[in-house]
Amino acid sequence: MAVALHSFKIDADGRVLVQHVFYGETEDDARAVLEAHADACPKFGPAYRQDETEEIVEEIDELPTPDTLDDFVAGDVEDDDVEDDEE
């Protein structure tokens, strides 16, 4: 079963302001994507290496595709970057 690996960056004051989600066919695949991102990202990488993140593994039915992204967004989210053609 596919996996969404949620990684939350915990600030020094204990607040969560950033979440990353890494996808894979397995947890190991998703964790490899997380670690590759941590190697490249100057903000997330140090936090991950210093245990300032919390991870939650979620089993999902299928991996997202460009056509199914809306199905992976929780709640009502408006895309401010997309203009309505009818305006």
PDB file of N, CA and C in Angstrom:
ATOM      1  N   MET A   1       0.845  -1.179   0.000  1.00  0.00           N
ATOM      2  CA  MET A   1       0.000   0.000   0.000  1.00  0.00           C
ATOM      3  C   MET A   1       0.887   1.237   0.000  1.00  0.00           C
ATOM      4  N   ALA A   2       0.507   2.269  -0.710  1.00  0.00           N
ATOM      5  CA  ALA A   2       1.265   3.514  -0.806  1.00  0.00           C
ATOM      6  C   ALA A   2       1.273   4.230   0.540  1.00  0.00           C
ATOM      7  N   VAL A   3       2.238   5.145   0.685  1.00  0.00           N
ATOM      8  CA  VAL A   3       2.444   5.816   1.961  1.00  0.00           C
ATOM      9  C   VAL A   3       2.614   7.314   1.745  1.00  0.00           C
ATOM     10  N   ALA A   4       2.008   8.089   2.649  1.00  0.00           N
ATOM     11  CA  ALA A   4       2.296   9.516   2.774  1.00  0.00           C
ATOM     12  C   ALA A   4       3.010   9.676   4.105  1.00  0.00           C
ATOM     13  N   LEU A   5       4.234  10.170   4.055  1.00  0.00           N
ATOM     14  CA  LEU A   5       5.027  10.391   5.256  1.00  0.00           C
ATOM     15  C   LEU A   5       4.979  11.880   5.568  1.00  0.00           C
ATOM     16  N   HIS A   6       4.257  12.226   6.623  1.00  0.00           N
ATOM     17  CA  HIS A   6       4.095  13.620   7.036  1.00  0.00           C
ATOM     18  C   HIS A   6       5.219  13.962   8.002  1.00  0.00           C
ATOM     19  N   SER A   7       5.927  15.047   7.725  1.00  0.00           N
ATOM     20  CA  SER A   7       6.999  15.493   8.601  1.00  0.00           C
ATOM     21  C   SER A   7       6.714  16.931   9.012  1.00  0.00           C
ATOM     22  N   PHE A   8       6.616  17.157  10.306  1.00  0.00           N
ATOM     23  CA  PHE A   8       6.277  18.455  10.857  1.00  0.00           C
ATOM     24  C   PHE A   8       7.520  19.068  11.495  1.00  0.00           C
ATOM     25  N   LYS A   9       7.863  20.299  11.117  1.00  0.00           N
ATOM     26  CA  LYS A   9       8.998  20.997  11.716  1.00  0.00           C
ATOM     27  C   LYS A   9       8.500  21.680  12.984  1.00  0.00           C
ATOM     28  N   ILE A  10       9.152  21.373  14.108  1.00  0.00           N
ATOM     29  CA  ILE A  10       8.769  21.918  15.402  1.00  0.00           C
ATOM     30  C   ILE A  10       9.710  23.081  15.720  1.00  0.00           C
ATOM     31  N   ASP A  11       9.159  24.287  15.873  1.00  0.00           N
ATOM     32  CA  ASP A  11       9.966  25.450  16.210  1.00  0.00           C
ATOM     33  C   ASP A  11      10.431  25.382  17.663  1.00  0.00           C
ATOM     34  N   ALA A  12      11.404  26.216  18.005  1.00  0.00           N
ATOM     35  CA  ALA A  12      11.969  26.235  19.365  1.00  0.00           C
ATOM     36  C   ALA A  12      10.907  26.488  20.426  1.00  0.00           C
ATOM     37  N   ASP A  13       9.846  27.212  20.065  1.00  0.00           N
ATOM     38  CA  ASP A  13       8.783  27.501  21.025  1.00  0.00           C
ATOM     39  C   ASP A  13       7.693  26.428  21.026  1.00  0.00           C
ATOM     40  N   GLY A  14       7.941  25.337  20.308  1.00  0.00           N
ATOM     41  CA  GLY A  14       6.997  24.219  20.289  1.00  0.00           C
ATOM     42  C   GLY A  14       5.875  24.347  19.276  1.00  0.00           C
ATOM     43  N   ARG A  15       5.912  25.366  18.442  1.00  0.00           N
ATOM     44  CA  ARG A  15       4.865  25.548  17.431  1.00  0.00           C
ATOM     45  C   ARG A  15       5.199  24.761  16.168  1.00  0.00           C
ATOM     46  N   VAL A  16       4.157  24.316  15.498  1.00  0.00           N
ATOM     47  CA  VAL A  16       4.289  23.669  14.196  1.00  0.00           C
ATOM     48  C   VAL A  16       3.806  24.667  13.156  1.00  0.00           C
ATOM     49  N   LEU A  17       4.721  25.099  12.286  1.00  0.00           N
ATOM     50  CA  LEU A  17       4.356  26.054  11.243  1.00  0.00           C
ATOM     51  C   LEU A  17       4.543  25.493   9.845  1.00  0.00           C
ATOM     52  N   VAL A  18       5.262  24.374   9.723  1.00  0.00           N
ATOM     53  CA  VAL A  18       5.560  23.809   8.410  1.00  0.00           C
ATOM     54  C   VAL A  18       5.342  22.308   8.434  1.00  0.00           C
ATOM     55  N   GLN A  19       4.705  21.818   7.383  1.00  0.00           N
ATOM     56  CA  GLN A  19       4.547  20.379   7.189  1.00  0.00           C
ATOM     57  C   GLN A  19       5.039  20.038   5.789  1.00  0.00           C
ATOM     58  N   HIS A  20       5.824  18.989   5.698  1.00  0.00           N
ATOM     59  CA  HIS A  20       6.216  18.422   4.416  1.00  0.00           C
ATOM     60  C   HIS A  20       5.517  17.070   4.316  1.00  0.00           C
ATOM     61  N   VAL A  21       5.157  16.675   3.105  1.00  0.00           N
ATOM     62  CA  VAL A  21       4.588  15.350   2.885  1.00  0.00           C
ATOM     63  C   VAL A  21       5.405  14.675   1.790  1.00  0.00           C
ATOM     64  N   PHE A  22       5.886  13.478   2.103  1.00  0.00           N
ATOM     65  CA  PHE A  22       6.709  12.711   1.165  1.00  0.00           C
ATOM     66  C   PHE A  22       5.953  11.436   0.822  1.00  0.00           C
ATOM     67  N   TYR A  23       5.869  11.119  -0.452  1.00  0.00           N
ATOM     68  CA  TYR A  23       5.097   9.975  -0.926  1.00  0.00           C
ATOM     69  C   TYR A  23       6.014   8.871  -1.422  1.00  0.00           C
ATOM     70  N   GLY A  24       5.541   7.634  -1.288  1.00  0.00           N
ATOM     71  CA  GLY A  24       6.271   6.500  -1.813  1.00  0.00           C
ATOM     72  C   GLY A  24       5.400   5.273  -1.878  1.00  0.00           C
ATOM     73  N   GLU A  25       5.833   4.301  -2.648  1.00  0.00           N
ATOM     74  CA  GLU A  25       5.110   3.026  -2.722  1.00  0.00           C
ATOM     75  C   GLU A  25       5.180   2.289  -1.380  1.00  0.00           C
ATOM     76  N   THR A  26       6.263   2.542  -0.624  1.00  0.00           N
ATOM     77  CA  THR A  26       6.454   1.942   0.697  1.00  0.00           C
ATOM     78  C   THR A  26       6.950   3.036   1.645  1.00  0.00           C
ATOM     79  N   GLU A  27       6.959   2.726   2.942  1.00  0.00           N
ATOM     80  CA  GLU A  27       7.495   3.680   3.908  1.00  0.00           C
ATOM     81  C   GLU A  27       8.978   3.945   3.638  1.00  0.00           C
ATOM     82  N   ASP A  28       9.711   2.913   3.282  1.00  0.00           N
ATOM     83  CA  ASP A  28      11.128   3.097   2.969  1.00  0.00           C
ATOM     84  C   ASP A  28      11.322   4.035   1.784  1.00  0.00           C
ATOM     85  N   ASP A  29      10.478   3.907   0.761  1.00  0.00           N
ATOM     86  CA  ASP A  29      10.556   4.799  -0.403  1.00  0.00           C
ATOM     87  C   ASP A  29      10.293   6.248   0.004  1.00  0.00           C
ATOM     88  N   ALA A  30       9.249   6.459   0.808  1.00  0.00           N
ATOM     89  CA  ALA A  30       8.899   7.811   1.251  1.00  0.00           C
ATOM     90  C   ALA A  30      10.002   8.386   2.132  1.00  0.00           C
ATOM     91  N   ARG A  31      10.579   7.564   2.995  1.00  0.00           N
ATOM     92  CA  ARG A  31      11.657   8.030   3.871  1.00  0.00           C
ATOM     93  C   ARG A  31      12.898   8.399   3.048  1.00  0.00           C
ATOM     94  N   ALA A  32      13.155   7.675   1.968  1.00  0.00           N
ATOM     95  CA  ALA A  32      14.285   8.012   1.096  1.00  0.00           C
ATOM     96  C   ALA A  32      14.070   9.384   0.460  1.00  0.00           C
ATOM     97  N   VAL A  33      12.836   9.703   0.080  1.00  0.00           N
ATOM     98  CA  VAL A  33      12.529  11.023  -0.482  1.00  0.00           C
ATOM     99  C   VAL A  33      12.709  12.086   0.590  1.00  0.00           C
ATOM    100  N   LEU A  34      12.244  11.816   1.806  1.00  0.00           N
ATOM    101  CA  LEU A  34      12.429  12.745   2.916  1.00  0.00           C
ATOM    102  C   LEU A  34      13.912  13.025   3.134  1.00  0.00           C
ATOM    103  N   GLU A  35      14.717  11.986   3.187  1.00  0.00           N
ATOM    104  CA  GLU A  35      16.146  12.157   3.449  1.00  0.00           C
ATOM    105  C   GLU A  35      16.849  12.898   2.316  1.00  0.00           C
ATOM    106  N   ALA A  36      16.435  12.656   1.076  1.00  0.00           N
ATOM    107  CA  ALA A  36      17.002  13.390  -0.055  1.00  0.00           C
ATOM    108  C   ALA A  36      16.651  14.874   0.052  1.00  0.00           C
ATOM    109  N   HIS A  37      15.428  15.156   0.451  1.00  0.00           N
ATOM    110  CA  HIS A  37      15.018  16.553   0.629  1.00  0.00           C
ATOM    111  C   HIS A  37      15.798  17.195   1.778  1.00  0.00           C
ATOM    112  N   ALA A  38      15.964  16.459   2.869  1.00  0.00           N
ATOM    113  CA  ALA A  38      16.718  16.984   4.013  1.00  0.00           C
ATOM    114  C   ALA A  38      18.156  17.311   3.619  1.00  0.00           C
ATOM    115  N   ASP A  39      18.731  16.531   2.714  1.00  0.00           N
ATOM    116  CA  ASP A  39      20.092  16.790   2.251  1.00  0.00           C
ATOM    117  C   ASP A  39      20.184  18.075   1.436  1.00  0.00           C
ATOM    118  N   ALA A  40      19.088  18.469   0.795  1.00  0.00           N
ATOM    119  CA  ALA A  40      19.111  19.616  -0.117  1.00  0.00           C
ATOM    120  C   ALA A  40      18.513  20.894   0.467  1.00  0.00           C
ATOM    121  N   CYS A  41      17.639  20.780   1.450  1.00  0.00           N
ATOM    122  CA  CYS A  41      16.898  21.945   1.948  1.00  0.00           C
ATOM    123  C   CYS A  41      17.621  22.576   3.141  1.00  0.00           C
ATOM    124  N   PRO A  42      18.012  23.850   3.015  1.00  0.00           N
ATOM    125  CA  PRO A  42      18.781  24.485   4.086  1.00  0.00           C
ATOM    126  C   PRO A  42      18.000  24.749   5.367  1.00  0.00           C
ATOM    127  N   LYS A  43      16.691  24.727   5.329  1.00  0.00           N
ATOM    128  CA  LYS A  43      15.875  24.942   6.535  1.00  0.00           C
ATOM    129  C   LYS A  43      15.434  23.609   7.142  1.00  0.00           C
ATOM    130  N   PHE A  44      14.886  22.728   6.296  1.00  0.00           N
ATOM    131  CA  PHE A  44      14.359  21.464   6.791  1.00  0.00           C
ATOM    132  C   PHE A  44      15.469  20.501   7.208  1.00  0.00           C
ATOM    133  N   GLY A  45      16.531  20.451   6.421  1.00  0.00           N
ATOM    134  CA  GLY A  45      17.610  19.503   6.689  1.00  0.00           C
ATOM    135  C   GLY A  45      18.181  19.598   8.085  1.00  0.00           C
ATOM    136  N   PRO A  46      18.611  20.786   8.521  1.00  0.00           N
ATOM    137  CA  PRO A  46      19.138  20.890   9.884  1.00  0.00           C
ATOM    138  C   PRO A  46      18.111  20.523  10.953  1.00  0.00           C
ATOM    139  N   ALA A  47      16.868  20.911  10.753  1.00  0.00           N
ATOM    140  CA  ALA A  47      15.829  20.566  11.730  1.00  0.00           C
ATOM    141  C   ALA A  47      15.652  19.052  11.813  1.00  0.00           C
ATOM    142  N   TYR A  48      15.643  18.389  10.674  1.00  0.00           N
ATOM    143  CA  TYR A  48      15.488  16.934  10.642  1.00  0.00           C
ATOM    144  C   TYR A  48      16.672  16.253  11.332  1.00  0.00           C
ATOM    145  N   ARG A  49      17.879  16.700  11.020  1.00  0.00           N
ATOM    146  CA  ARG A  49      19.075  16.092  11.608  1.00  0.00           C
ATOM    147  C   ARG A  49      19.189  16.356  13.112  1.00  0.00           C
ATOM    148  N   GLN A  50      18.571  17.437  13.598  1.00  0.00           N
ATOM    149  CA  GLN A  50      18.629  17.776  15.024  1.00  0.00           C
ATOM    150  C   GLN A  50      17.375  17.311  15.768  1.00  0.00           C
ATOM    151  N   ASP A  51      16.619  16.387  15.155  1.00  0.00           N
ATOM    152  CA  ASP A  51      15.403  15.833  15.778  1.00  0.00           C
ATOM    153  C   ASP A  51      14.385  16.905  16.154  1.00  0.00           C
ATOM    154  N   GLU A  52      14.265  17.921  15.295  1.00  0.00           N
ATOM    155  CA  GLU A  52      13.274  18.975  15.506  1.00  0.00           C
ATOM    156  C   GLU A  52      12.077  18.784  14.584  1.00  0.00           C
ATOM    157  N   THR A  53      11.861  17.549  14.140  1.00  0.00           N
ATOM    158  CA  THR A  53      10.698  17.210  13.322  1.00  0.00           C
ATOM    159  C   THR A  53       9.997  16.025  13.953  1.00  0.00           C
ATOM    160  N   GLU A  54       8.742  15.882  13.631  1.00  0.00           N
ATOM    161  CA  GLU A  54       7.950  14.716  14.031  1.00  0.00           C
ATOM    162  C   GLU A  54       7.359  14.132  12.760  1.00  0.00           C
ATOM    163  N   GLU A  55       7.417  12.817  12.624  1.00  0.00           N
ATOM    164  CA  GLU A  55       6.900  12.159  11.431  1.00  0.00           C
ATOM    165  C   GLU A  55       5.704  11.275  11.775  1.00  0.00           C
ATOM    166  N   ILE A  56       4.747  11.277  10.879  1.00  0.00           N
ATOM    167  CA  ILE A  56       3.572  10.412  10.971  1.00  0.00           C
ATOM    168  C   ILE A  56       3.417   9.711   9.630  1.00  0.00           C
ATOM    169  N   VAL A  57       3.300   8.398   9.664  1.00  0.00           N
ATOM    170  CA  VAL A  57       3.125   7.602   8.454  1.00  0.00           C
ATOM    171  C   VAL A  57       1.643   7.346   8.246  1.00  0.00           C
ATOM    172  N   GLU A  58       1.176   7.614   7.042  1.00  0.00           N
ATOM    173  CA  GLU A  58      -0.231   7.392   6.683  1.00  0.00           C
ATOM    174  C   GLU A  58      -0.283   6.472   5.475  1.00  0.00           C
ATOM    175  N   GLU A  59      -0.987   5.368   5.603  1.00  0.00           N
ATOM    176  CA  GLU A  59      -1.212   4.509   4.444  1.00  0.00           C
ATOM    177  C   GLU A  59      -2.300   5.137   3.584  1.00  0.00           C
ATOM    178  N   ILE A  60      -2.049   5.195   2.286  1.00  0.00           N
ATOM    179  CA  ILE A  60      -3.004   5.779   1.352  1.00  0.00           C
ATOM    180  C   ILE A  60      -3.280   4.780   0.236  1.00  0.00           C
ATOM    181  N   ASP A  61      -4.427   4.940  -0.427  1.00  0.00           N
ATOM    182  CA  ASP A  61      -4.825   4.001  -1.474  1.00  0.00           C
ATOM    183  C   ASP A  61      -3.949   4.085  -2.710  1.00  0.00           C
ATOM    184  N   GLU A  62      -3.543   5.297  -3.057  1.00  0.00           N
ATOM    185  CA  GLU A  62      -2.738   5.477  -4.261  1.00  0.00           C
ATOM    186  C   GLU A  62      -1.904   6.743  -4.122  1.00  0.00           C
ATOM    187  N   LEU A  63      -0.841   6.808  -4.887  1.00  0.00           N
ATOM    188  CA  LEU A  63       0.005   7.998  -4.892  1.00  0.00           C
ATOM    189  C   LEU A  63      -0.679   9.110  -5.672  1.00  0.00           C
ATOM    190  N   PRO A  64      -0.416  10.357  -5.310  1.00  0.00           N
ATOM    191  CA  PRO A  64      -1.036  11.456  -6.053  1.00  0.00           C
ATOM    192  C   PRO A  64      -0.461  11.574  -7.456  1.00  0.00           C
ATOM    193  N   THR A  65      -1.277  12.114  -8.331  1.00  0.00           N
ATOM    194  CA  THR A  65      -0.860  12.470  -9.685  1.00  0.00           C
ATOM    195  C   THR A  65      -1.293  13.916  -9.902  1.00  0.00           C
ATOM    196  N   PRO A  66      -0.815  14.568 -10.941  1.00  0.00           N
ATOM    197  CA  PRO A  66      -1.277  15.934 -11.193  1.00  0.00           C
ATOM    198  C   PRO A  66      -2.800  16.035 -11.288  1.00  0.00           C
ATOM    199  N   ASP A  67      -3.446  14.986 -11.770  1.00  0.00           N
ATOM    200  CA  ASP A  67      -4.903  15.010 -11.922  1.00  0.00           C
ATOM    201  C   ASP A  67      -5.652  14.753 -10.621  1.00  0.00           C
ATOM    202  N   THR A  68      -4.979  14.213  -9.595  1.00  0.00           N
ATOM    203  CA  THR A  68      -5.675  13.872  -8.346  1.00  0.00           C
ATOM    204  C   THR A  68      -5.227  14.722  -7.158  1.00  0.00           C
ATOM    205  N   LEU A  69      -4.485  15.789  -7.412  1.00  0.00           N
ATOM    206  CA  LEU A  69      -3.987  16.608  -6.301  1.00  0.00           C
ATOM    207  C   LEU A  69      -5.089  17.134  -5.397  1.00  0.00           C
ATOM    208  N   ASP A  70      -6.214  17.540  -5.961  1.00  0.00           N
ATOM    209  CA  ASP A  70      -7.320  18.050  -5.140  1.00  0.00           C
ATOM    210  C   ASP A  70      -7.787  17.019  -4.125  1.00  0.00           C
ATOM    211  N   ASP A  71      -7.674  15.744  -4.442  1.00  0.00           N
ATOM    212  CA  ASP A  71      -8.099  14.687  -3.530  1.00  0.00           C
ATOM    213  C   ASP A  71      -7.169  14.574  -2.312  1.00  0.00           C
ATOM    214  N   PHE A  72      -5.973  15.156  -2.395  1.00  0.00           N
ATOM    215  CA  PHE A  72      -4.985  15.033  -1.330  1.00  0.00           C
ATOM    216  C   PHE A  72      -4.925  16.256  -0.429  1.00  0.00           C
ATOM    217  N   VAL A  73      -5.780  17.255  -0.674  1.00  0.00           N
ATOM    218  CA  VAL A  73      -5.800  18.466   0.137  1.00  0.00           C
ATOM    219  C   VAL A  73      -6.914  18.347   1.156  1.00  0.00           C
ATOM    220  N   ALA A  74      -6.549  18.522   2.416  1.00  0.00           N
ATOM    221  CA  ALA A  74      -7.543  18.439   3.486  1.00  0.00           C
ATOM    222  C   ALA A  74      -8.276  19.766   3.612  1.00  0.00           C
ATOM    223  N   GLY A  75      -9.566  19.713   3.737  1.00  0.00           N
ATOM    224  CA  GLY A  75     -10.355  20.915   3.949  1.00  0.00           C
ATOM    225  C   GLY A  75     -10.568  21.710   2.680  1.00  0.00           C
ATOM    226  N   ASP A  76     -11.197  22.858   2.847  1.00  0.00           N
ATOM    227  CA  ASP A  76     -11.454  23.754   1.722  1.00  0.00           C
ATOM    228  C   ASP A  76     -10.266  24.683   1.556  1.00  0.00           C
ATOM    229  N   VAL A  77      -9.606  24.571   0.429  1.00  0.00           N
ATOM    230  CA  VAL A  77      -8.454  25.407   0.139  1.00  0.00           C
ATOM    231  C   VAL A  77      -8.716  26.125  -1.171  1.00  0.00           C
ATOM    232  N   GLU A  78      -8.545  27.447  -1.159  1.00  0.00           N
ATOM    233  CA  GLU A  78      -8.697  28.218  -2.385  1.00  0.00           C
ATOM    234  C   GLU A  78      -7.332  28.458  -2.976  1.00  0.00           C
ATOM    235  N   ASP A  79      -7.234  28.335  -4.284  1.00  0.00           N
ATOM    236  CA  ASP A  79      -5.979  28.575  -4.978  1.00  0.00           C
ATOM    237  C   ASP A  79      -5.990  30.018  -5.477  1.00  0.00           C
ATOM    238  N   ASP A  80      -5.300  30.906  -4.762  1.00  0.00           N
ATOM    239  CA  ASP A  80      -5.280  32.315  -5.127  1.00  0.00           C
ATOM    240  C   ASP A  80      -4.510  32.586  -6.412  1.00  0.00           C
ATOM    241  N   ASP A  81      -3.707  31.619  -6.840  1.00  0.00           N
ATOM    242  CA  ASP A  81      -2.909  31.812  -8.045  1.00  0.00           C
ATOM    243  C   ASP A  81      -3.688  31.521  -9.330  1.00  0.00           C
ATOM    244  N   VAL A  82      -4.849  30.918  -9.198  1.00  0.00           N
ATOM    245  CA  VAL A  82      -5.647  30.564 -10.367  1.00  0.00           C
ATOM    246  C   VAL A  82      -6.754  31.575 -10.534  1.00  0.00           C
ATOM    247  N   GLU A  83      -6.794  32.224 -11.696  1.00  0.00           N
ATOM    248  CA  GLU A  83      -7.840  33.212 -11.960  1.00  0.00           C
ATOM    249  C   GLU A  83      -9.048  32.534 -12.568  1.00  0.00           C
ATOM    250  N   ASP A  84     -10.200  33.014 -12.186  1.00  0.00           N
ATOM    251  CA  ASP A  84     -11.455  32.501 -12.722  1.00  0.00           C
ATOM    252  C   ASP A  84     -11.670  33.120 -14.101  1.00  0.00           C
ATOM    253  N   ASP A  85     -11.835  32.278 -15.120  1.00  0.00           N
ATOM    254  CA  ASP A  85     -12.010  32.749 -16.491  1.00  0.00           C
ATOM    255  C   ASP A  85     -13.285  33.550 -16.688  1.00  0.00           C
ATOM    256  N   GLU A  86     -14.263  33.392 -15.785  1.00  0.00           N
ATOM    257  CA  GLU A  86     -15.546  34.045 -15.958  1.00  0.00           C
ATOM    258  C   GLU A  86     -15.552  35.457 -15.414  1.00  0.00           C
ATOM    259  N   GLU A  87     -14.480  35.903 -14.761  1.00  0.00           N
ATOM    260  CA  GLU A  87     -14.458  37.252 -14.195  1.00  0.00           C
ATOM    261  C   GLU A  87     -14.271  38.295 -15.241  1.00  0.00           C
TER     262      GLU A  87
END
